[in-house]
Amino acid sequence: MRTVLIYSLSRLALFAATAGVLFLVGARGFLLLALAILISGVVSFVLLSRQRDAVSSSVTERASRIQRNLAEGAAREDTD
């Protein structure tokens, strides 16, 4: 769960930094928002790929653990 939080905060920081730079350059309003989303998305795709892979494996592992626990619980119910 920690990896998801770190990745999310990294994405948010990249968005804020991009928006700040665009604001200083002179972008305002909807243009600022649209450009910040687009540019920070591309930059995070490149810079945060390792963190994205860690989040993916963490989420997949947690989902399989939950699924396994549900299956074990159902099997215990069936034996009762």
PDB file of N, CA and C in Angstrom:
ATOM      1  N   MET A   1       0.817  -1.186   0.000  1.00  0.00           N
ATOM      2  CA  MET A   1       0.000   0.000   0.000  1.00  0.00           C
ATOM      3  C   MET A   1       0.870   1.263   0.000  1.00  0.00           C
ATOM      4  N   ARG A   2       2.055   1.122   0.586  1.00  0.00           N
ATOM      5  CA  ARG A   2       2.958   2.259   0.633  1.00  0.00           C
ATOM      6  C   ARG A   2       3.412   2.660  -0.772  1.00  0.00           C
ATOM      7  N   THR A   3       3.612   1.665  -1.640  1.00  0.00           N
ATOM      8  CA  THR A   3       4.058   1.974  -3.000  1.00  0.00           C
ATOM      9  C   THR A   3       3.001   2.770  -3.754  1.00  0.00           C
ATOM     10  N   VAL A   4       1.737   2.470  -3.513  1.00  0.00           N
ATOM     11  CA  VAL A   4       0.652   3.209  -4.177  1.00  0.00           C
ATOM     12  C   VAL A   4       0.655   4.659  -3.710  1.00  0.00           C
ATOM     13  N   LEU A   5       0.856   4.878  -2.421  1.00  0.00           N
ATOM     14  CA  LEU A   5       0.887   6.228  -1.879  1.00  0.00           C
ATOM     15  C   LEU A   5       2.076   7.021  -2.433  1.00  0.00           C
ATOM     16  N   ILE A   6       3.229   6.401  -2.475  1.00  0.00           N
ATOM     17  CA  ILE A   6       4.419   7.082  -2.996  1.00  0.00           C
ATOM     18  C   ILE A   6       4.241   7.423  -4.470  1.00  0.00           C
ATOM     19  N   TYR A   7       3.703   6.487  -5.246  1.00  0.00           N
ATOM     20  CA  TYR A   7       3.479   6.746  -6.668  1.00  0.00           C
ATOM     21  C   TYR A   7       2.474   7.880  -6.862  1.00  0.00           C
ATOM     22  N   SER A   8       1.396   7.862  -6.099  1.00  0.00           N
ATOM     23  CA  SER A   8       0.374   8.910  -6.223  1.00  0.00           C
ATOM     24  C   SER A   8       0.936  10.277  -5.855  1.00  0.00           C
ATOM     25  N   LEU A   9       1.723  10.330  -4.785  1.00  0.00           N
ATOM     26  CA  LEU A   9       2.331  11.599  -4.393  1.00  0.00           C
ATOM     27  C   LEU A   9       3.348  12.083  -5.424  1.00  0.00           C
ATOM     28  N   SER A  10       4.062  11.152  -6.044  1.00  0.00           N
ATOM     29  CA  SER A  10       5.010  11.518  -7.096  1.00  0.00           C
ATOM     30  C   SER A  10       4.279  12.108  -8.302  1.00  0.00           C
ATOM     31  N   ARG A  11       3.170  11.483  -8.684  1.00  0.00           N
ATOM     32  CA  ARG A  11       2.370  12.009  -9.795  1.00  0.00           C
ATOM     33  C   ARG A  11       1.832  13.397  -9.476  1.00  0.00           C
ATOM     34  N   LEU A  12       1.351  13.575  -8.256  1.00  0.00           N
ATOM     35  CA  LEU A  12       0.824  14.867  -7.836  1.00  0.00           C
ATOM     36  C   LEU A  12       1.920  15.933  -7.829  1.00  0.00           C
ATOM     37  N   ALA A  13       3.107  15.572  -7.347  1.00  0.00           N
ATOM     38  CA  ALA A  13       4.224  16.516  -7.332  1.00  0.00           C
ATOM     39  C   ALA A  13       4.639  16.906  -8.745  1.00  0.00           C
ATOM     40  N   LEU A  14       4.672  15.926  -9.658  1.00  0.00           N
ATOM     41  CA  LEU A  14       4.996  16.242 -11.046  1.00  0.00           C
ATOM     42  C   LEU A  14       3.955  17.184 -11.659  1.00  0.00           C
ATOM     43  N   PHE A  15       2.683  16.929 -11.363  1.00  0.00           N
ATOM     44  CA  PHE A  15       1.626  17.799 -11.879  1.00  0.00           C
ATOM     45  C   PHE A  15       1.777  19.209 -11.328  1.00  0.00           C
ATOM     46  N   ALA A  16       2.037  19.335 -10.020  1.00  0.00           N
ATOM     47  CA  ALA A  16       2.182  20.650  -9.404  1.00  0.00           C
ATOM     48  C   ALA A  16       3.397  21.397  -9.970  1.00  0.00           C
ATOM     49  N   ALA A  17       4.495  20.687 -10.147  1.00  0.00           N
ATOM     50  CA  ALA A  17       5.693  21.325 -10.703  1.00  0.00           C
ATOM     51  C   ALA A  17       5.445  21.781 -12.143  1.00  0.00           C
ATOM     52  N   THR A  18       4.790  20.945 -12.912  1.00  0.00           N
ATOM     53  CA  THR A  18       4.484  21.302 -14.299  1.00  0.00           C
ATOM     54  C   THR A  18       3.549  22.499 -14.347  1.00  0.00           C
ATOM     55  N   ALA A  19       2.519  22.493 -13.513  1.00  0.00           N
ATOM     56  CA  ALA A  19       1.574  23.617 -13.480  1.00  0.00           C
ATOM     57  C   ALA A  19       2.280  24.896 -13.040  1.00  0.00           C
ATOM     58  N   GLY A  20       3.195  24.773 -12.081  1.00  0.00           N
ATOM     59  CA  GLY A  20       3.940  25.945 -11.631  1.00  0.00           C
ATOM     60  C   GLY A  20       4.801  26.546 -12.730  1.00  0.00           C
ATOM     61  N   VAL A  21       5.490  25.690 -13.460  1.00  0.00           N
ATOM     62  CA  VAL A  21       6.330  26.174 -14.560  1.00  0.00           C
ATOM     63  C   VAL A  21       5.465  26.812 -15.644  1.00  0.00           C
ATOM     64  N   LEU A  22       4.368  26.178 -15.982  1.00  0.00           N
ATOM     65  CA  LEU A  22       3.474  26.732 -17.006  1.00  0.00           C
ATOM     66  C   LEU A  22       2.863  28.053 -16.553  1.00  0.00           C
ATOM     67  N   PHE A  23       2.564  28.168 -15.265  1.00  0.00           N
ATOM     68  CA  PHE A  23       2.035  29.429 -14.740  1.00  0.00           C
ATOM     69  C   PHE A  23       3.065  30.544 -14.883  1.00  0.00           C
ATOM     70  N   LEU A  24       4.317  30.216 -14.571  1.00  0.00           N
ATOM     71  CA  LEU A  24       5.376  31.221 -14.705  1.00  0.00           C
ATOM     72  C   LEU A  24       5.609  31.615 -16.149  1.00  0.00           C
ATOM     73  N   VAL A  25       5.369  30.675 -17.063  1.00  0.00           N
ATOM     74  CA  VAL A  25       5.545  30.964 -18.484  1.00  0.00           C
ATOM     75  C   VAL A  25       4.403  31.835 -19.003  1.00  0.00           C
ATOM     76  N   GLY A  26       3.249  31.763 -18.352  1.00  0.00           N
ATOM     77  CA  GLY A  26       2.149  32.630 -18.747  1.00  0.00           C
ATOM     78  C   GLY A  26       0.848  31.922 -19.056  1.00  0.00           C
ATOM     79  N   ALA A  27       0.796  30.610 -18.920  1.00  0.00           N
ATOM     80  CA  ALA A  27      -0.448  29.880 -19.178  1.00  0.00           C
ATOM     81  C   ALA A  27      -1.406  30.125 -18.018  1.00  0.00           C
ATOM     82  N   ARG A  28      -2.661  30.302 -18.341  1.00  0.00           N
ATOM     83  CA  ARG A  28      -3.683  30.543 -17.324  1.00  0.00           C
ATOM     84  C   ARG A  28      -4.948  29.766 -17.658  1.00  0.00           C
ATOM     85  N   GLY A  29      -5.756  29.533 -16.647  1.00  0.00           N
ATOM     86  CA  GLY A  29      -7.079  28.957 -16.820  1.00  0.00           C
ATOM     87  C   GLY A  29      -7.069  27.538 -17.365  1.00  0.00           C
ATOM     88  N   PHE A  30      -7.971  27.316 -18.322  1.00  0.00           N
ATOM     89  CA  PHE A  30      -8.139  25.984 -18.895  1.00  0.00           C
ATOM     90  C   PHE A  30      -6.882  25.518 -19.628  1.00  0.00           C
ATOM     91  N   LEU A  31      -6.195  26.434 -20.299  1.00  0.00           N
ATOM     92  CA  LEU A  31      -4.962  26.077 -20.998  1.00  0.00           C
ATOM     93  C   LEU A  31      -3.915  25.552 -20.022  1.00  0.00           C
ATOM     94  N   LEU A  32      -3.792  26.198 -18.872  1.00  0.00           N
ATOM     95  CA  LEU A  32      -2.850  25.757 -17.844  1.00  0.00           C
ATOM     96  C   LEU A  32      -3.188  24.348 -17.384  1.00  0.00           C
ATOM     97  N   LEU A  33      -4.441  24.113 -17.092  1.00  0.00           N
ATOM     98  CA  LEU A  33      -4.864  22.802 -16.619  1.00  0.00           C
ATOM     99  C   LEU A  33      -4.640  21.721 -17.673  1.00  0.00           C
ATOM    100  N   ALA A  34      -5.047  21.993 -18.901  1.00  0.00           N
ATOM    101  CA  ALA A  34      -4.913  20.998 -19.973  1.00  0.00           C
ATOM    102  C   ALA A  34      -3.449  20.685 -20.263  1.00  0.00           C
ATOM    103  N   LEU A  35      -2.626  21.703 -20.363  1.00  0.00           N
ATOM    104  CA  LEU A  35      -1.205  21.472 -20.635  1.00  0.00           C
ATOM    105  C   LEU A  35      -0.509  20.776 -19.473  1.00  0.00           C
ATOM    106  N   ALA A  36      -0.867  21.131 -18.246  1.00  0.00           N
ATOM    107  CA  ALA A  36      -0.249  20.503 -17.081  1.00  0.00           C
ATOM    108  C   ALA A  36      -0.596  19.023 -17.020  1.00  0.00           C
ATOM    109  N   ILE A  37      -1.840  18.677 -17.302  1.00  0.00           N
ATOM    110  CA  ILE A  37      -2.240  17.271 -17.306  1.00  0.00           C
ATOM    111  C   ILE A  37      -1.492  16.514 -18.393  1.00  0.00           C
ATOM    112  N   LEU A  38      -1.460  17.074 -19.585  1.00  0.00           N
ATOM    113  CA  LEU A  38      -0.815  16.407 -20.716  1.00  0.00           C
ATOM    114  C   LEU A  38       0.696  16.239 -20.495  1.00  0.00           C
ATOM    115  N   ILE A  39       1.365  17.298 -20.134  1.00  0.00           N
ATOM    116  CA  ILE A  39       2.822  17.251 -19.982  1.00  0.00           C
ATOM    117  C   ILE A  39       3.231  16.392 -18.786  1.00  0.00           C
ATOM    118  N   SER A  40       2.547  16.552 -17.661  1.00  0.00           N
ATOM    119  CA  SER A  40       2.915  15.749 -16.493  1.00  0.00           C
ATOM    120  C   SER A  40       2.617  14.269 -16.730  1.00  0.00           C
ATOM    121  N   GLY A  41       1.599  13.973 -17.524  1.00  0.00           N
ATOM    122  CA  GLY A  41       1.319  12.572 -17.858  1.00  0.00           C
ATOM    123  C   GLY A  41       2.434  11.943 -18.665  1.00  0.00           C
ATOM    124  N   VAL A  42       2.925  12.675 -19.648  1.00  0.00           N
ATOM    125  CA  VAL A  42       4.011  12.160 -20.488  1.00  0.00           C
ATOM    126  C   VAL A  42       5.301  12.023 -19.664  1.00  0.00           C
ATOM    127  N   VAL A  43       5.590  13.026 -18.861  1.00  0.00           N
ATOM    128  CA  VAL A  43       6.809  12.989 -18.049  1.00  0.00           C
ATOM    129  C   VAL A  43       6.745  11.855 -17.029  1.00  0.00           C
ATOM    130  N   SER A  44       5.592  11.667 -16.400  1.00  0.00           N
ATOM    131  CA  SER A  44       5.485  10.595 -15.419  1.00  0.00           C
ATOM    132  C   SER A  44       5.539   9.217 -16.076  1.00  0.00           C
ATOM    133  N   PHE A  45       5.059   9.121 -17.307  1.00  0.00           N
ATOM    134  CA  PHE A  45       5.152   7.849 -18.027  1.00  0.00           C
ATOM    135  C   PHE A  45       6.604   7.437 -18.194  1.00  0.00           C
ATOM    136  N   VAL A  46       7.461   8.406 -18.434  1.00  0.00           N
ATOM    137  CA  VAL A  46       8.880   8.125 -18.636  1.00  0.00           C
ATOM    138  C   VAL A  46       9.620   7.991 -17.299  1.00  0.00           C
ATOM    139  N   LEU A  47       9.429   8.949 -16.411  1.00  0.00           N
ATOM    140  CA  LEU A  47      10.225   8.992 -15.184  1.00  0.00           C
ATOM    141  C   LEU A  47       9.763   8.026 -14.101  1.00  0.00           C
ATOM    142  N   LEU A  48       8.489   7.704 -14.075  1.00  0.00           N
ATOM    143  CA  LEU A  48       7.963   6.887 -12.984  1.00  0.00           C
ATOM    144  C   LEU A  48       7.636   5.457 -13.402  1.00  0.00           C
ATOM    145  N   SER A  49       8.270   4.969 -14.451  1.00  0.00           N
ATOM    146  CA  SER A  49       7.946   3.623 -14.928  1.00  0.00           C
ATOM    147  C   SER A  49       8.319   2.552 -13.897  1.00  0.00           C
ATOM    148  N   ARG A  50       9.420   2.710 -13.208  1.00  0.00           N
ATOM    149  CA  ARG A  50       9.829   1.733 -12.204  1.00  0.00           C
ATOM    150  C   ARG A  50       8.834   1.711 -11.036  1.00  0.00           C
ATOM    151  N   GLN A  51       8.410   2.895 -10.606  1.00  0.00           N
ATOM    152  CA  GLN A  51       7.425   2.959  -9.528  1.00  0.00           C
ATOM    153  C   GLN A  51       6.075   2.396  -9.978  1.00  0.00           C
ATOM    154  N   ARG A  52       5.700   2.648 -11.227  1.00  0.00           N
ATOM    155  CA  ARG A  52       4.441   2.122 -11.758  1.00  0.00           C
ATOM    156  C   ARG A  52       4.466   0.597 -11.777  1.00  0.00           C
ATOM    157  N   ASP A  53       5.590   0.013 -12.138  1.00  0.00           N
ATOM    158  CA  ASP A  53       5.727  -1.448 -12.120  1.00  0.00           C
ATOM    159  C   ASP A  53       5.612  -1.995 -10.698  1.00  0.00           C
ATOM    160  N   ALA A  54       6.199  -1.290  -9.735  1.00  0.00           N
ATOM    161  CA  ALA A  54       6.112  -1.725  -8.339  1.00  0.00           C
ATOM    162  C   ALA A  54       4.669  -1.652  -7.836  1.00  0.00           C
ATOM    163  N   VAL A  55       3.952  -0.610  -8.223  1.00  0.00           N
ATOM    164  CA  VAL A  55       2.549  -0.475  -7.833  1.00  0.00           C
ATOM    165  C   VAL A  55       1.729  -1.591  -8.456  1.00  0.00           C
ATOM    166  N   SER A  56       1.990  -1.878  -9.708  1.00  0.00           N
ATOM    167  CA  SER A  56       1.253  -2.933 -10.402  1.00  0.00           C
ATOM    168  C   SER A  56       1.445  -4.282  -9.725  1.00  0.00           C
ATOM    169  N   SER A  57       2.669  -4.612  -9.396  1.00  0.00           N
ATOM    170  CA  SER A  57       2.916  -5.900  -8.743  1.00  0.00           C
ATOM    171  C   SER A  57       2.320  -5.928  -7.342  1.00  0.00           C
ATOM    172  N   SER A  58       2.356  -4.800  -6.642  1.00  0.00           N
ATOM    173  CA  SER A  58       1.773  -4.721  -5.304  1.00  0.00           C
ATOM    174  C   SER A  58       0.258  -4.924  -5.350  1.00  0.00           C
ATOM    175  N   VAL A  59      -0.399  -4.275  -6.282  1.00  0.00           N
ATOM    176  CA  VAL A  59      -1.850  -4.396  -6.408  1.00  0.00           C
ATOM    177  C   VAL A  59      -2.234  -5.804  -6.846  1.00  0.00           C
ATOM    178  N   THR A  60      -1.485  -6.378  -7.771  1.00  0.00           N
ATOM    179  CA  THR A  60      -1.771  -7.736  -8.239  1.00  0.00           C
ATOM    180  C   THR A  60      -1.597  -8.741  -7.107  1.00  0.00           C
ATOM    181  N   GLU A  61      -0.534  -8.567  -6.328  1.00  0.00           N
ATOM    182  CA  GLU A  61      -0.281  -9.467  -5.196  1.00  0.00           C
ATOM    183  C   GLU A  61      -1.389  -9.361  -4.155  1.00  0.00           C
ATOM    184  N   ARG A  62      -1.814  -8.159  -3.866  1.00  0.00           N
ATOM    185  CA  ARG A  62      -2.887  -7.969  -2.883  1.00  0.00           C
ATOM    186  C   ARG A  62      -4.205  -8.558  -3.382  1.00  0.00           C
ATOM    187  N   ALA A  63      -4.510  -8.371  -4.664  1.00  0.00           N
ATOM    188  CA  ALA A  63      -5.749  -8.924  -5.218  1.00  0.00           C
ATOM    189  C   ALA A  63      -5.735 -10.443  -5.182  1.00  0.00           C
ATOM    190  N   SER A  64      -4.602 -11.050  -5.495  1.00  0.00           N
ATOM    191  CA  SER A  64      -4.529 -12.513  -5.457  1.00  0.00           C
ATOM    192  C   SER A  64      -4.628 -13.027  -4.026  1.00  0.00           C
ATOM    193  N   ARG A  65      -4.068 -12.284  -3.067  1.00  0.00           N
ATOM    194  CA  ARG A  65      -4.181 -12.673  -1.657  1.00  0.00           C
ATOM    195  C   ARG A  65      -5.641 -12.614  -1.198  1.00  0.00           C
ATOM    196  N   ILE A  66      -6.355 -11.570  -1.585  1.00  0.00           N
ATOM    197  CA  ILE A  66      -7.773 -11.446  -1.227  1.00  0.00           C
ATOM    198  C   ILE A  66      -8.577 -12.568  -1.871  1.00  0.00           C
ATOM    199  N   GLN A  67      -8.304 -12.838  -3.125  1.00  0.00           N
ATOM    200  CA  GLN A  67      -9.019 -13.906  -3.832  1.00  0.00           C
ATOM    201  C   GLN A  67      -8.748 -15.264  -3.181  1.00  0.00           C
ATOM    202  N   ARG A  68      -7.507 -15.498  -2.792  1.00  0.00           N
ATOM    203  CA  ARG A  68      -7.153 -16.752  -2.130  1.00  0.00           C
ATOM    204  C   ARG A  68      -7.860 -16.874  -0.776  1.00  0.00           C
ATOM    205  N   ASN A  69      -7.931 -15.776  -0.012  1.00  0.00           N
ATOM    206  CA  ASN A  69      -8.623 -15.794   1.275  1.00  0.00           C
ATOM    207  C   ASN A  69     -10.113 -16.053   1.101  1.00  0.00           C
ATOM    208  N   LEU A  70     -10.712 -15.475   0.069  1.00  0.00           N
ATOM    209  CA  LEU A  70     -12.125 -15.720  -0.196  1.00  0.00           C
ATOM    210  C   LEU A  70     -12.376 -17.178  -0.568  1.00  0.00           C
ATOM    211  N   ALA A  71     -11.485 -17.739  -1.368  1.00  0.00           N
ATOM    212  CA  ALA A  71     -11.638 -19.138  -1.765  1.00  0.00           C
ATOM    213  C   ALA A  71     -11.483 -20.067  -0.556  1.00  0.00           C
ATOM    214  N   GLU A  72     -10.538 -19.760   0.329  1.00  0.00           N
ATOM    215  CA  GLU A  72     -10.364 -20.568   1.533  1.00  0.00           C
ATOM    216  C   GLU A  72     -11.583 -20.469   2.443  1.00  0.00           C
ATOM    217  N   GLY A  73     -12.145 -19.275   2.548  1.00  0.00           N
ATOM    218  CA  GLY A  73     -13.338 -19.087   3.359  1.00  0.00           C
ATOM    219  C   GLY A  73     -14.530 -19.854   2.800  1.00  0.00           C
ATOM    220  N   ALA A  74     -14.679 -19.835   1.476  1.00  0.00           N
ATOM    221  CA  ALA A  74     -15.758 -20.569   0.842  1.00  0.00           C
ATOM    222  C   ALA A  74     -15.570 -22.074   1.021  1.00  0.00           C
ATOM    223  N   ALA A  75     -14.334 -22.539   0.959  1.00  0.00           N
ATOM    224  CA  ALA A  75     -14.062 -23.955   1.145  1.00  0.00           C
ATOM    225  C   ALA A  75     -14.380 -24.375   2.574  1.00  0.00           C
ATOM    226  N   ARG A  76     -14.069 -23.523   3.550  1.00  0.00           N
ATOM    227  CA  ARG A  76     -14.396 -23.829   4.940  1.00  0.00           C
ATOM    228  C   ARG A  76     -15.905 -23.873   5.162  1.00  0.00           C
ATOM    229  N   GLU A  77     -16.635 -22.968   4.504  1.00  0.00           N
ATOM    230  CA  GLU A  77     -18.093 -22.971   4.600  1.00  0.00           C
ATOM    231  C   GLU A  77     -18.689 -24.246   3.993  1.00  0.00           C
ATOM    232  N   ASP A  78     -18.099 -24.691   2.900  1.00  0.00           N
ATOM    233  CA  ASP A  78     -18.610 -25.891   2.236  1.00  0.00           C
ATOM    234  C   ASP A  78     -18.408 -27.137   3.102  1.00  0.00           C
ATOM    235  N   THR A  79     -17.315 -27.186   3.853  1.00  0.00           N
ATOM    236  CA  THR A  79     -17.074 -28.354   4.703  1.00  0.00           C
ATOM    237  C   THR A  79     -17.977 -28.367   5.923  1.00  0.00           C
ATOM    238  N   ASP A  80     -18.436 -27.196   6.345  1.00  0.00           N
ATOM    239  CA  ASP A  80     -19.347 -27.127   7.515  1.00  0.00           C
ATOM    240  C   ASP A  80     -20.709 -27.520   7.079  1.00  0.00           C
TER     241      ASP A  80
END
